[in-house]
Amino acid sequence: MVEKTKPISLRLKQAEIEQLQARAYDLSASPTGIARDLIRTGLAGGDNKALAERLMRIERRLAALEQLTVDTLAKAEAAAGATQDLLAMFDALLKALSGENGGNLE
């Protein structure tokens, strides 16, 4: 069952809003989402140790995704090379079958 939520309003200094917007920009998130996450972390008793552990988990996930990206890129490059080789062989076969190499297949 989904818990009901209720909007709240906060007043922040301009410098605090700018910090929130900068953090949201860095994370490609909305300022509202960042504020919500900060509030929930604080309400959950999020201390620096818990935050550090969470950041480490995120960092490990990013490192794993980076490795997957590198592996995927290597596989894509290998597939592109194989495709080019097959295309060259197909062109050579087509030329041989059409008699462009001077050979006569009759």
C-alpha atoms as a PDB file:
ATOM      1  CA  MET A   1       0.000   0.000   0.000  1.00  0.00           C
ATOM      2  CA  VAL A   2       1.374   3.405  -0.955  1.00  0.00           C
ATOM      3  CA  GLU A   3       1.645   5.881   1.872  1.00  0.00           C
ATOM      4  CA  LYS A   4       0.045   9.246   1.286  1.00  0.00           C
ATOM      5  CA  THR A   5       2.350  12.205   0.993  1.00  0.00           C
ATOM      6  CA  LYS A   6       1.733  15.825   1.771  1.00  0.00           C
ATOM      7  CA  PRO A   7       3.545  18.843   0.346  1.00  0.00           C
ATOM      8  CA  ILE A   8       5.391  21.233   2.637  1.00  0.00           C
ATOM      9  CA  SER A   9       6.838  24.658   2.066  1.00  0.00           C
ATOM     10  CA  LEU A  10      10.316  25.741   3.116  1.00  0.00           C
ATOM     11  CA  ARG A  11      11.971  29.113   3.234  1.00  0.00           C
ATOM     12  CA  LEU A  12      15.654  29.139   2.365  1.00  0.00           C
ATOM     13  CA  LYS A  13      18.192  31.894   2.011  1.00  0.00           C
ATOM     14  CA  GLN A  14      19.234  32.725  -1.546  1.00  0.00           C
ATOM     15  CA  ALA A  15      22.693  31.228  -0.931  1.00  0.00           C
ATOM     16  CA  GLU A  16      21.083  27.980   0.256  1.00  0.00           C
ATOM     17  CA  ILE A  17      18.852  27.857  -2.821  1.00  0.00           C
ATOM     18  CA  GLU A  18      21.897  28.366  -5.031  1.00  0.00           C
ATOM     19  CA  GLN A  19      23.710  25.519  -3.252  1.00  0.00           C
ATOM     20  CA  LEU A  20      20.679  23.298  -3.738  1.00  0.00           C
ATOM     21  CA  GLN A  21      20.488  24.199  -7.430  1.00  0.00           C
ATOM     22  CA  ALA A  22      24.223  23.597  -7.893  1.00  0.00           C
ATOM     23  CA  ARG A  23      23.982  20.173  -6.265  1.00  0.00           C
ATOM     24  CA  ALA A  24      20.947  19.328  -8.392  1.00  0.00           C
ATOM     25  CA  TYR A  25      22.810  20.379 -11.535  1.00  0.00           C
ATOM     26  CA  ASP A  26      25.844  18.243 -10.598  1.00  0.00           C
ATOM     27  CA  LEU A  27      23.610  15.207 -10.100  1.00  0.00           C
ATOM     28  CA  SER A  28      21.309  15.908 -13.065  1.00  0.00           C
ATOM     29  CA  ALA A  29      18.390  16.049 -10.667  1.00  0.00           C
ATOM     30  CA  SER A  30      15.780  18.581  -9.688  1.00  0.00           C
ATOM     31  CA  PRO A  31      16.311  20.901  -6.712  1.00  0.00           C
ATOM     32  CA  THR A  32      13.072  19.565  -5.244  1.00  0.00           C
ATOM     33  CA  GLY A  33      14.318  15.983  -5.483  1.00  0.00           C
ATOM     34  CA  ILE A  34      17.630  16.886  -3.850  1.00  0.00           C
ATOM     35  CA  ALA A  35      15.853  18.745  -1.047  1.00  0.00           C
ATOM     36  CA  ARG A  36      13.512  15.779  -0.522  1.00  0.00           C
ATOM     37  CA  ASP A  37      16.478  13.382  -0.346  1.00  0.00           C
ATOM     38  CA  LEU A  38      18.336  15.618   2.122  1.00  0.00           C
ATOM     39  CA  ILE A  39      15.266  15.916   4.339  1.00  0.00           C
ATOM     40  CA  ARG A  40      14.579  12.178   4.283  1.00  0.00           C
ATOM     41  CA  THR A  41      18.212  11.432   5.081  1.00  0.00           C
ATOM     42  CA  GLY A  42      18.081  13.803   8.023  1.00  0.00           C
ATOM     43  CA  LEU A  43      14.791  12.368   9.285  1.00  0.00           C
ATOM     44  CA  ALA A  44      16.160   8.852   9.033  1.00  0.00           C
ATOM     45  CA  GLY A  45      18.994   9.844  11.348  1.00  0.00           C
ATOM     46  CA  GLY A  46      21.435   9.976   8.488  1.00  0.00           C
ATOM     47  CA  ASP A  47      24.809  10.814   9.942  1.00  0.00           C
ATOM     48  CA  ASN A  48      28.061  11.378   8.104  1.00  0.00           C
ATOM     49  CA  LYS A  49      29.020   7.708   8.399  1.00  0.00           C
ATOM     50  CA  ALA A  50      25.754   6.566   6.824  1.00  0.00           C
ATOM     51  CA  LEU A  51      26.114   9.170   4.114  1.00  0.00           C
ATOM     52  CA  ALA A  52      29.704   8.084   3.445  1.00  0.00           C
ATOM     53  CA  GLU A  53      28.613   4.450   3.164  1.00  0.00           C
ATOM     54  CA  ARG A  54      25.861   5.420   0.758  1.00  0.00           C
ATOM     55  CA  LEU A  55      28.296   7.406  -1.361  1.00  0.00           C
ATOM     56  CA  MET A  56      30.698   4.463  -1.413  1.00  0.00           C
ATOM     57  CA  ARG A  57      27.909   2.172  -2.645  1.00  0.00           C
ATOM     58  CA  ILE A  58      27.077   4.672  -5.363  1.00  0.00           C
ATOM     59  CA  GLU A  59      30.750   4.954  -6.303  1.00  0.00           C
ATOM     60  CA  ARG A  60      31.096   1.164  -6.549  1.00  0.00           C
ATOM     61  CA  ARG A  61      28.002   0.973  -8.741  1.00  0.00           C
ATOM     62  CA  LEU A  62      29.371   3.703 -10.988  1.00  0.00           C
ATOM     63  CA  ALA A  63      32.705   1.881 -11.258  1.00  0.00           C
ATOM     64  CA  ALA A  64      30.887  -1.332 -12.202  1.00  0.00           C
ATOM     65  CA  LEU A  65      28.843   0.525 -14.812  1.00  0.00           C
ATOM     66  CA  GLU A  66      32.004   2.110 -16.180  1.00  0.00           C
ATOM     67  CA  GLN A  67      33.590  -1.328 -16.561  1.00  0.00           C
ATOM     68  CA  LEU A  68      30.468  -2.642 -18.295  1.00  0.00           C
ATOM     69  CA  THR A  69      30.628   0.324 -20.652  1.00  0.00           C
ATOM     70  CA  VAL A  70      34.270  -0.383 -21.470  1.00  0.00           C
ATOM     71  CA  ASP A  71      33.478  -4.065 -22.088  1.00  0.00           C
ATOM     72  CA  THR A  72      30.484  -3.196 -24.253  1.00  0.00           C
ATOM     73  CA  LEU A  73      32.549  -0.735 -26.282  1.00  0.00           C
ATOM     74  CA  ALA A  74      35.255  -3.358 -26.852  1.00  0.00           C
ATOM     75  CA  LYS A  75      32.648  -5.887 -28.014  1.00  0.00           C
ATOM     76  CA  ALA A  76      31.039  -3.316 -30.307  1.00  0.00           C
ATOM     77  CA  GLU A  77      34.414  -2.461 -31.841  1.00  0.00           C
ATOM     78  CA  ALA A  78      35.163  -6.156 -32.378  1.00  0.00           C
ATOM     79  CA  ALA A  79      31.754  -6.654 -34.002  1.00  0.00           C
ATOM     80  CA  ALA A  80      32.358  -3.639 -36.255  1.00  0.00           C
ATOM     81  CA  GLY A  81      35.720  -5.094 -37.326  1.00  0.00           C
ATOM     82  CA  ALA A  82      34.169  -8.484 -38.057  1.00  0.00           C
ATOM     83  CA  THR A  83      31.394  -6.803 -40.015  1.00  0.00           C
ATOM     84  CA  GLN A  84      33.929  -4.909 -42.122  1.00  0.00           C
ATOM     85  CA  ASP A  85      35.846  -8.141 -42.779  1.00  0.00           C
ATOM     86  CA  LEU A  86      32.647  -9.905 -43.863  1.00  0.00           C
ATOM     87  CA  LEU A  87      31.729  -6.997 -46.110  1.00  0.00           C
ATOM     88  CA  ALA A  88      35.157  -7.102 -47.775  1.00  0.00           C
ATOM     89  CA  MET A  89      34.858 -10.862 -48.303  1.00  0.00           C
ATOM     90  CA  PHE A  90      31.332 -10.437 -49.699  1.00  0.00           C
ATOM     91  CA  ASP A  91      32.549  -7.731 -52.113  1.00  0.00           C
ATOM     92  CA  ALA A  92      35.421  -9.963 -53.247  1.00  0.00           C
ATOM     93  CA  LEU A  93      33.015 -12.884 -53.766  1.00  0.00           C
ATOM     94  CA  LEU A  94      30.600 -10.683 -55.665  1.00  0.00           C
ATOM     95  CA  LYS A  95      33.406  -9.470 -57.942  1.00  0.00           C
ATOM     96  CA  ALA A  96      34.603 -13.030 -58.518  1.00  0.00           C
ATOM     97  CA  LEU A  97      31.105 -14.248 -59.349  1.00  0.00           C
ATOM     98  CA  SER A  98      30.391 -11.324 -61.658  1.00  0.00           C
ATOM     99  CA  GLY A  99      33.651 -11.853 -63.552  1.00  0.00           C
ATOM    100  CA  GLU A 100      35.161  -8.476 -62.677  1.00  0.00           C
ATOM    101  CA  ASN A 101      38.525 -10.078 -61.834  1.00  0.00           C
ATOM    102  CA  GLY A 102      39.052 -11.189 -65.382  1.00  0.00           C
ATOM    103  CA  GLY A 103      38.242 -14.777 -64.494  1.00  0.00           C
ATOM    104  CA  ASN A 104      35.687 -16.596 -66.530  1.00  0.00           C
ATOM    105  CA  LEU A 105      33.321 -18.872 -64.649  1.00  0.00           C
ATOM    106  CA  GLU A 106      31.924 -20.576 -67.788  1.00  0.00           C
END
